[in-house]
């Protein structure tokens, strides 16, 4: 089974068996190799119940097309990126549906250098080839080989190289792995840290018996907030399913927005590399460019999505990039995103500052008032964006880099369409709580009218 709609803007994702099954996965593995002609790739999988057989199918398809495969087994998504970058491979495929509910399967595809394959960089060509798979040539007389490879020791060394572990204090940290890949990835890292880790849901289990592995949804954050407060912890950290994103809760149980995290990390990288370039996405709080510029860096705004951010990082040789959605990218990690590196950076940041995280964040929270992302289903996306432009275009500077952005000085917003459904996503910020609430309600009224 291979429903064409499983091919999204940045990856492949669909309901297992109903939209995508092993035959579809085999066709994708083969089509990927025929499209890009890599000689050797890495293939890994997450803990979903369907992932072992889906990974086998991808490998079957790739080797049938003549490609050699390093099977790196049960890993987080960033470990495939790391394997491709560090071993000089020509590509990689991760079998994962990231933070989606348990009935989903999918995959993330990359080329040499861990550069993502998205809709604008070959994914739809892979789709077309895969859908025509009944017309594919017969298996090659010399299929590719499969070799198991243990990427773990090198990976653990690499992520730990981003911090000075000797500077990390014995903080008390609650970690919610959500029965995802963080439960496998963190133990060998934690062994080398002095922190007191309260480990929650560390058993990788694709049935997700406790809650969905998507910390962006408030209902999935209730546990980490409550547990952080109960434990009197210095920090709470929640990971998504494939562990390429992590989310923070401060010592008061308050969720830390991804743009504030980006601002804090930007300061770290600019202290290490004065004048460096740092990339942020169009949804972000002004806290991000303000902080970057104050720290002597060059702030570069990008479209949302890892395919765009990673390409921009290469083009501009940026040291670091952060997205509101909790993706953080590192030049010295093949320009790829990681969930474990931000976890380590936050431990070092709190340790070095000698302050509680809530105290470190206070200057940002007192100055920047943000809505977070507010989603609204709309009948006609293009018409509604035009209506918003006509209504607010005269109030400030307009940008169409990604959806519609309007900056009116005291407040600004971005509204962009979802890649997968008829939704508009609003992110708005103002210089006071009152103005933020007033403008939020006003813009939402236009969107929902």
Protein backbone atom coordinates (compact mmCIF):
# COMPACT_ATOMS: atom_id res chain seq x y z
CA UNK A 1 0.00 0.00 0.00
CA UNK A 2 1.30 3.42 -0.96
CA UNK A 3 -1.11 6.34 -0.82
CA UNK A 4 0.41 9.37 -2.62
CA UNK A 5 -0.69 11.66 0.21
CA UNK A 6 1.90 10.17 2.61
CA UNK A 7 4.52 12.30 0.83
CA UNK A 8 4.57 15.56 2.80
CA UNK A 9 6.61 18.74 2.41
CA UNK A 10 9.51 17.43 4.53
CA UNK A 11 9.03 13.68 5.00
CA UNK A 12 6.85 10.61 4.47
CA UNK A 13 4.08 9.98 6.99
CA UNK A 14 0.83 8.02 7.03
CA UNK A 15 -1.32 5.48 8.82
CA UNK A 16 0.32 2.06 8.86
CA UNK A 17 -1.25 -0.48 6.49
CA UNK A 18 -4.12 1.83 5.47
CA UNK A 19 -1.87 4.44 3.77
CA UNK A 20 1.62 2.92 3.88
CA UNK A 21 2.80 -0.64 4.43
CA UNK A 22 5.89 -2.78 3.82
CA UNK A 23 5.31 -3.02 0.06
CA UNK A 24 5.12 0.78 -0.07
CA UNK A 25 8.26 1.10 2.07
CA UNK A 26 10.15 -1.26 -0.24
CA UNK A 27 9.05 0.80 -3.26
CA UNK A 28 10.24 4.01 -1.55
CA UNK A 29 13.63 2.48 -0.63
CA UNK A 30 14.12 1.40 -4.22
CA UNK A 31 12.86 4.68 -5.72
CA UNK A 32 15.16 6.70 -3.42
CA UNK A 33 18.20 4.81 -4.72
CA UNK A 34 17.10 5.05 -8.36
CA UNK A 35 16.51 8.80 -7.97
CA UNK A 36 19.76 9.77 -6.26
CA UNK A 37 22.06 6.82 -7.12
CA UNK A 38 23.89 6.61 -3.76
CA UNK A 39 26.38 3.78 -3.40
CA UNK A 40 26.10 3.47 0.37
CA UNK A 41 23.48 4.72 2.86
CA UNK A 42 22.55 4.31 6.54
CA UNK A 43 19.10 3.04 7.52
CA UNK A 44 17.73 3.23 11.07
CA UNK A 45 14.36 2.87 12.80
CA UNK A 46 12.45 4.11 15.84
CA UNK A 47 10.51 2.10 18.46
CA UNK A 48 7.13 2.02 16.68
CA UNK A 49 5.57 -1.43 16.54
CA UNK A 50 5.65 -1.42 12.73
CA UNK A 51 9.21 -0.07 12.42
CA UNK A 52 11.22 -3.35 12.39
CA UNK A 53 9.39 -4.76 9.36
CA UNK A 54 9.18 -1.34 7.69
CA UNK A 55 12.95 -0.93 8.06
CA UNK A 56 13.53 -4.39 6.59
CA UNK A 57 11.35 -3.42 3.63
CA UNK A 58 13.22 -0.15 3.01
CA UNK A 59 16.54 -2.04 3.09
CA UNK A 60 15.14 -4.67 0.72
CA UNK A 61 14.15 -1.96 -1.76
CA UNK A 62 17.45 -0.06 -1.49
CA UNK A 63 19.64 -3.14 -1.91
CA UNK A 64 17.50 -4.42 -4.80
CA UNK A 65 18.41 -1.19 -6.59
CA UNK A 66 22.10 -1.90 -6.04
CA UNK A 67 22.90 0.21 -2.97
CA UNK A 68 24.95 -0.98 0.01
CA UNK A 69 23.25 -0.39 3.37
CA UNK A 70 24.62 0.17 6.87
CA UNK A 71 21.86 -1.05 9.19
CA UNK A 72 22.26 1.07 12.34
CA UNK A 73 19.23 -0.49 14.04
CA UNK A 74 17.10 1.12 16.75
CA UNK A 75 18.17 4.79 16.90
CA UNK A 76 16.91 8.35 17.18
CA UNK A 77 16.51 10.33 13.95
CA UNK A 78 19.54 12.51 14.65
CA UNK A 79 21.69 9.36 14.81
CA UNK A 80 20.94 8.69 11.14
CA UNK A 81 21.95 12.28 10.35
CA UNK A 82 25.11 11.79 12.39
CA UNK A 83 25.94 8.48 10.70
CA UNK A 84 25.55 9.98 7.21
CA UNK A 85 27.65 13.05 8.08
CA UNK A 86 30.39 11.41 10.14
CA UNK A 87 30.87 8.33 7.97
CA UNK A 88 30.79 10.25 4.68
CA UNK A 89 27.83 8.26 3.36
CA UNK A 90 25.81 9.34 0.32
CA UNK A 91 22.47 9.25 2.07
CA UNK A 92 20.27 7.82 4.77
CA UNK A 93 16.71 6.81 5.62
CA UNK A 94 15.14 6.90 9.08
CA UNK A 95 11.97 4.87 9.56
CA UNK A 96 9.91 7.03 11.95
CA UNK A 97 6.65 8.92 12.26
CA UNK A 98 8.24 11.35 14.73
CA UNK A 99 5.66 12.67 17.23
CA UNK A 100 2.57 11.25 15.48
CA UNK A 101 0.12 8.89 17.24
CA UNK A 102 0.88 5.17 17.44
CA UNK A 103 -1.02 4.14 14.29
CA UNK A 104 1.36 6.12 12.07
CA UNK A 105 4.51 5.09 10.21
CA UNK A 106 6.81 7.06 7.95
CA UNK A 107 10.37 7.98 7.07
CA UNK A 108 12.79 10.88 6.80
CA UNK A 109 15.17 10.84 3.83
CA UNK A 110 18.53 12.58 3.56
CA UNK A 111 21.32 12.82 1.02
CA UNK A 112 25.08 13.28 1.43
CA UNK A 113 25.93 15.61 4.31
CA UNK A 114 22.58 14.77 5.97
CA UNK A 115 20.87 17.29 3.67
CA UNK A 116 17.11 16.59 3.82
CA UNK A 117 15.09 15.39 0.87
CA UNK A 118 11.89 17.45 0.84
CA UNK A 119 9.15 18.26 -1.64
CA UNK A 120 11.33 20.87 -3.34
CA UNK A 121 14.49 18.74 -3.31
CA UNK A 122 13.48 15.42 -4.83
CA UNK A 123 10.91 13.84 -2.50
CA UNK A 124 8.08 14.16 -5.02
CA UNK A 125 10.34 12.60 -7.68
CA UNK A 126 10.86 9.67 -5.29
CA UNK A 127 7.06 9.52 -4.88
CA UNK A 128 6.49 9.35 -8.63
CA UNK A 129 9.05 6.59 -9.07
CA UNK A 130 7.70 4.63 -6.09
CA UNK A 131 4.11 4.86 -7.36
CA UNK A 132 5.28 3.50 -10.74
CA UNK A 133 7.04 0.60 -9.02
CA UNK A 134 5.01 -2.05 -10.83
CA UNK A 135 6.83 -0.86 -13.96
CA UNK A 136 10.28 -0.97 -12.33
CA UNK A 137 13.01 -3.08 -13.83
CA UNK A 138 13.70 -6.43 -12.25
CA UNK A 139 16.12 -6.68 -9.33
CA UNK A 140 19.74 -6.21 -10.30
CA UNK A 141 21.88 -9.28 -10.74
CA UNK A 142 24.28 -7.71 -8.21
CA UNK A 143 22.15 -6.31 -5.38
CA UNK A 144 23.71 -4.21 -2.64
CA UNK A 145 25.01 -5.61 0.65
CA UNK A 146 23.71 -5.10 4.19
CA UNK A 147 26.07 -4.60 7.12
CA UNK A 148 25.18 -3.89 10.76
CA UNK A 149 26.98 -0.86 12.20
CA UNK A 150 27.17 0.37 15.80
CA UNK A 151 27.00 4.18 15.66
CA UNK A 152 26.40 4.61 19.41
CA UNK A 153 29.91 5.19 20.87
CA UNK A 154 30.82 7.83 18.26
CA UNK A 155 27.41 9.49 18.60
CA UNK A 156 27.61 9.77 22.41
CA UNK A 157 31.12 11.26 22.17
CA UNK A 158 29.96 13.79 19.57
CA UNK A 159 26.95 15.14 21.47
CA UNK A 160 28.95 15.40 24.70
CA UNK A 161 31.64 17.39 22.83
CA UNK A 162 29.20 20.35 22.67
CA UNK A 163 29.54 20.99 26.41
CA UNK A 164 32.13 20.96 29.16
CA UNK A 165 30.74 18.20 31.36
CA UNK A 166 33.02 19.34 34.20
CA UNK A 167 31.06 22.62 34.32
CA UNK A 168 27.72 20.86 34.81
CA UNK A 169 26.49 20.88 38.42
CA UNK A 170 24.49 18.14 40.16
CA UNK A 171 21.13 19.58 39.08
CA UNK A 172 17.89 17.69 39.66
CA UNK A 173 16.24 17.12 36.27
CA UNK A 174 12.95 15.42 35.44
CA UNK A 175 13.07 13.78 31.99
CA UNK A 176 9.97 12.57 30.15
CA UNK A 177 11.05 10.28 27.30
CA UNK A 178 7.37 9.54 26.45
CA UNK A 179 8.24 5.89 25.68
CA UNK A 180 10.11 7.20 22.65
CA UNK A 181 13.70 7.00 21.47
CA UNK A 182 15.06 9.34 24.18
CA UNK A 183 14.64 6.41 26.57
CA UNK A 184 17.31 4.53 24.64
CA UNK A 185 19.51 7.49 23.68
CA UNK A 186 19.89 9.25 27.02
CA UNK A 187 21.17 6.50 29.38
CA UNK A 188 24.71 6.33 27.88
CA UNK A 189 24.83 10.15 27.97
CA UNK A 190 23.49 10.41 31.53
CA UNK A 191 26.17 7.96 32.74
CA UNK A 192 28.74 10.67 32.05
CA UNK A 193 26.88 13.53 33.76
CA UNK A 194 26.74 14.45 37.47
CA UNK A 195 23.01 15.30 37.43
CA UNK A 196 20.24 13.63 39.42
CA UNK A 197 17.93 12.46 36.63
CA UNK A 198 14.35 11.51 37.44
CA UNK A 199 13.68 9.15 34.53
CA UNK A 200 10.07 8.92 33.36
CA UNK A 201 8.69 6.62 30.64
CA UNK A 202 12.17 5.59 29.49
CA UNK A 203 11.02 2.21 28.14
CA UNK A 204 10.76 2.58 24.33
CA UNK A 205 7.25 1.36 23.52
CA UNK A 206 5.53 2.17 20.23
CA UNK A 207 2.07 1.70 21.76
CA UNK A 208 2.72 4.88 23.83
CA UNK A 209 0.95 3.63 26.96
CA UNK A 210 1.31 6.90 28.88
CA UNK A 211 0.77 9.75 26.44
CA UNK A 212 1.43 10.70 22.82
CA UNK A 213 5.07 11.70 22.22
CA UNK A 214 4.22 15.26 21.12
CA UNK A 215 5.15 17.82 23.80
CA UNK A 216 3.87 20.71 21.67
CA UNK A 217 0.31 19.67 22.66
CA UNK A 218 -0.53 21.09 26.11
CA UNK A 219 -2.25 17.86 27.24
CA UNK A 220 1.03 15.98 26.69
CA UNK A 221 2.92 18.54 28.81
CA UNK A 222 0.71 18.18 31.89
CA UNK A 223 2.80 15.30 33.18
CA UNK A 224 6.22 16.98 32.90
CA UNK A 225 4.90 20.21 34.47
CA UNK A 226 3.34 18.36 37.42
CA UNK A 227 6.33 16.08 37.94
CA UNK A 228 8.85 18.93 37.81
CA UNK A 229 6.95 20.75 40.57
CA UNK A 230 6.40 17.59 42.65
CA UNK A 231 10.12 16.76 42.55
CA UNK A 232 11.20 20.35 43.25
CA UNK A 233 13.46 19.94 40.21
CA UNK A 234 15.75 22.54 38.64
CA UNK A 235 14.47 21.63 35.19
CA UNK A 236 11.95 19.47 33.34
CA UNK A 237 12.73 18.12 29.86
CA UNK A 238 10.28 16.39 27.50
CA UNK A 239 11.25 14.68 24.23
CA UNK A 240 9.19 13.86 21.15
CA UNK A 241 8.92 10.35 19.71
CA UNK A 242 12.08 10.19 17.61
CA UNK A 243 13.93 12.44 20.11
CA UNK A 244 15.11 15.05 17.60
CA UNK A 245 13.27 17.73 19.63
CA UNK A 246 13.31 18.52 23.31
CA UNK A 247 11.15 20.95 25.30
CA UNK A 248 11.90 22.61 28.60
CA UNK A 249 9.90 23.40 31.73
CA UNK A 250 11.54 25.77 34.24
CA UNK A 251 11.80 25.35 38.02
CA UNK A 252 8.39 27.03 38.49
CA UNK A 253 6.71 24.54 36.13
CA UNK A 254 6.36 27.08 33.32
CA UNK A 255 6.87 25.90 29.74
CA UNK A 256 9.76 27.62 27.94
CA UNK A 257 8.89 28.71 24.38
CA UNK A 258 11.25 27.54 21.63
CA UNK A 259 12.08 31.11 20.60
CA UNK A 260 13.31 31.95 24.12
CA UNK A 261 15.45 28.80 24.08
CA UNK A 262 16.85 29.86 20.69
CA UNK A 263 17.78 33.27 22.16
CA UNK A 264 19.59 31.67 25.13
CA UNK A 265 21.51 29.23 22.93
CA UNK A 266 22.40 31.98 20.44
CA UNK A 267 24.27 33.75 23.25
CA UNK A 268 26.24 30.56 23.97
CA UNK A 269 27.37 30.14 20.35
CA UNK A 270 28.15 33.83 19.92
CA UNK A 271 30.34 33.75 23.04
CA UNK A 272 32.23 30.85 21.45
CA UNK A 273 32.34 32.39 17.97
CA UNK A 274 31.97 36.18 18.02
CA UNK A 275 30.19 37.62 15.00
CA UNK A 276 28.74 34.28 13.91
CA UNK A 277 25.52 33.97 11.94
CA UNK A 278 22.45 32.56 13.68
CA UNK A 279 19.23 31.58 11.87
CA UNK A 280 15.70 31.79 13.27
CA UNK A 281 12.28 31.23 11.72
CA UNK A 282 9.65 33.80 10.72
CA UNK A 283 7.37 32.90 13.65
CA UNK A 284 9.90 33.83 16.31
CA UNK A 285 9.71 36.42 19.05
CA UNK A 286 11.75 39.59 18.54
CA UNK A 287 13.68 38.25 21.54
CA UNK A 288 15.69 36.15 19.07
CA UNK A 289 17.07 38.78 16.65
CA UNK A 290 17.38 41.32 19.50
CA UNK A 291 19.51 38.89 21.52
CA UNK A 292 21.63 37.83 18.53
CA UNK A 293 22.39 41.43 17.56
CA UNK A 294 23.07 42.50 21.15
CA UNK A 295 25.56 39.61 21.43
CA UNK A 296 27.34 40.80 18.27
CA UNK A 297 25.97 38.15 15.92
CA UNK A 298 24.25 38.31 12.55
CA UNK A 299 20.54 37.39 12.75
CA UNK A 300 19.12 35.72 9.63
CA UNK A 301 15.41 34.98 9.25
CA UNK A 302 14.27 31.83 7.39
CA UNK A 303 11.19 30.05 6.20
CA UNK A 304 9.84 27.43 8.60
CA UNK A 305 10.96 23.82 8.12
CA UNK A 306 14.16 21.83 8.41
CA UNK A 307 14.72 21.58 4.64
CA UNK A 308 14.89 25.39 4.35
CA UNK A 309 16.86 25.96 7.57
CA UNK A 310 19.53 23.37 6.76
CA UNK A 311 20.02 24.69 3.22
CA UNK A 312 20.31 28.24 4.58
CA UNK A 313 22.82 27.14 7.23
CA UNK A 314 25.07 25.71 4.52
CA UNK A 315 24.68 28.73 2.25
CA UNK A 316 25.51 31.24 5.01
CA UNK A 317 27.79 29.04 7.16
CA UNK A 318 25.63 29.72 10.23
CA UNK A 319 26.85 28.33 13.55
CA UNK A 320 23.39 27.63 14.99
CA UNK A 321 19.69 27.80 14.13
CA UNK A 322 16.53 27.45 16.17
CA UNK A 323 12.85 27.06 15.39
CA UNK A 324 9.84 27.91 17.55
CA UNK A 325 8.77 24.25 17.19
CA UNK A 326 11.72 22.99 19.26
CA UNK A 327 14.11 22.06 16.43
CA UNK A 328 17.68 23.24 17.10
CA UNK A 329 20.39 22.89 14.45
CA UNK A 330 24.17 22.82 14.82
CA UNK A 331 26.81 23.44 12.17
CA UNK A 332 29.17 21.01 13.91
CA UNK A 333 26.52 18.29 13.81
CA UNK A 334 26.25 18.19 9.99
CA UNK A 335 23.94 21.26 10.14
CA UNK A 336 21.37 18.82 11.52
CA UNK A 337 18.87 19.08 14.34
CA UNK A 338 19.33 17.26 17.62
CA UNK A 339 17.26 16.80 20.75
CA UNK A 340 20.11 15.64 22.97
CA UNK A 341 22.54 18.53 22.29
CA UNK A 342 20.00 21.20 23.47
CA UNK A 343 19.39 19.14 26.63
CA UNK A 344 23.15 19.23 27.35
CA UNK A 345 23.48 22.94 26.49
CA UNK A 346 20.66 23.82 28.89
CA UNK A 347 22.33 21.87 31.72
CA UNK A 348 25.60 23.73 31.12
CA UNK A 349 23.83 27.10 30.81
CA UNK A 350 22.00 26.79 34.14
CA UNK A 351 25.16 25.47 35.83
CA UNK A 352 27.39 28.28 34.56
CA UNK A 353 24.90 31.08 35.26
CA UNK A 354 24.36 29.90 38.82
CA UNK A 355 20.73 31.04 38.59
CA UNK A 356 17.42 29.24 38.38
CA UNK A 357 16.11 28.91 34.83
CA UNK A 358 13.09 31.06 35.75
CA UNK A 359 15.52 33.84 36.78
CA UNK A 360 17.51 33.50 33.55
CA UNK A 361 14.27 33.80 31.55
CA UNK A 362 12.78 36.70 33.55
CA UNK A 363 14.25 39.50 31.36
CA UNK A 364 12.72 37.87 28.25
CA UNK A 365 9.35 37.18 29.86
CA UNK A 366 9.13 40.76 31.14
CA UNK A 367 9.70 42.25 27.70
CA UNK A 368 8.29 39.88 25.07
CA UNK A 369 4.66 38.71 25.21
CA UNK A 370 3.88 35.92 22.78
CA UNK A 371 0.75 33.95 21.94
CA UNK A 372 2.36 30.68 20.94
CA UNK A 373 0.98 29.07 17.78
CA UNK A 374 -2.81 29.33 17.37
CA UNK A 375 -4.36 27.14 14.65
CA UNK A 376 -7.67 27.87 12.91
CA UNK A 377 -9.34 25.79 10.15
CA UNK A 378 -10.32 28.05 7.22
CA UNK A 379 -12.28 27.43 4.03
CA UNK A 380 -10.09 29.41 1.63
CA UNK A 381 -6.50 29.92 2.80
CA UNK A 382 -5.42 32.28 -0.02
CA UNK A 383 -8.51 34.47 0.33
CA UNK A 384 -8.06 34.78 4.09
CA UNK A 385 -4.36 35.72 3.74
CA UNK A 386 -5.35 38.43 1.24
CA UNK A 387 -8.00 39.71 3.65
CA UNK A 388 -5.41 39.93 6.46
CA UNK A 389 -2.98 41.75 4.19
CA UNK A 390 -5.62 44.32 3.21
CA UNK A 391 -6.61 44.79 6.85
CA UNK A 392 -3.11 45.06 8.39
CA UNK A 393 -0.73 45.79 5.50
CA UNK A 394 -0.91 49.55 6.07
CA UNK A 395 -0.05 49.22 9.78
CA UNK A 396 3.54 48.11 9.29
CA UNK A 397 6.16 46.32 7.22
CA UNK A 398 4.85 43.35 5.23
CA UNK A 399 6.81 40.20 4.32
CA UNK A 400 5.77 37.15 2.30
CA UNK A 401 8.83 35.03 3.12
CA UNK A 402 6.55 32.37 4.62
CA UNK A 403 2.83 33.12 4.69
CA UNK A 404 2.15 36.74 5.73
CA UNK A 405 4.21 38.65 8.29
CA UNK A 406 3.34 42.16 9.46
CA UNK A 407 5.60 44.14 11.80
CA UNK A 408 3.86 47.17 13.32
CA UNK A 409 6.57 48.09 15.83
CA UNK A 410 4.79 47.59 19.15
CA UNK A 411 3.39 44.30 17.87
CA UNK A 412 3.90 41.89 14.98
CA UNK A 413 2.46 38.64 13.66
CA UNK A 414 3.00 35.84 11.18
CA UNK A 415 0.16 33.83 9.66
CA UNK A 416 1.08 30.85 7.54
CA UNK A 417 -0.82 27.96 6.00
CA UNK A 418 -0.30 24.40 7.21
CA UNK A 419 1.53 22.14 4.74
CA UNK A 420 -0.86 19.28 5.36
CA UNK A 421 -4.36 20.61 6.14
CA UNK A 422 -6.58 23.70 5.50
CA UNK A 423 -5.37 25.57 8.59
CA UNK A 424 -3.89 28.98 9.27
CA UNK A 425 -1.27 29.17 12.00
CA UNK A 426 -0.99 32.49 13.88
CA UNK A 427 2.01 33.58 15.95
CA UNK A 428 1.73 37.09 17.44
CA UNK A 429 3.82 39.14 19.84
CA UNK A 430 3.49 42.54 21.52
CA UNK A 431 5.38 44.70 23.98
CA UNK A 432 2.79 44.19 26.76
CA UNK A 433 0.42 41.46 27.87
CA UNK A 434 -2.59 43.73 27.31
CA UNK A 435 -1.60 44.69 23.75
CA UNK A 436 -0.80 41.06 22.91
CA UNK A 437 -4.23 39.89 24.08
CA UNK A 438 -6.01 42.75 22.30
CA UNK A 439 -4.24 42.17 18.96
CA UNK A 440 -4.47 38.38 19.28
CA UNK A 441 -8.26 38.55 19.65
CA UNK A 442 -8.52 41.11 16.87
CA UNK A 443 -6.48 39.11 14.31
CA UNK A 444 -8.19 35.83 15.28
CA UNK A 445 -11.58 37.51 14.75
CA UNK A 446 -10.53 38.35 11.16
CA UNK A 447 -9.25 34.82 10.57
CA UNK A 448 -12.39 33.22 12.02
CA UNK A 449 -14.95 35.58 10.44
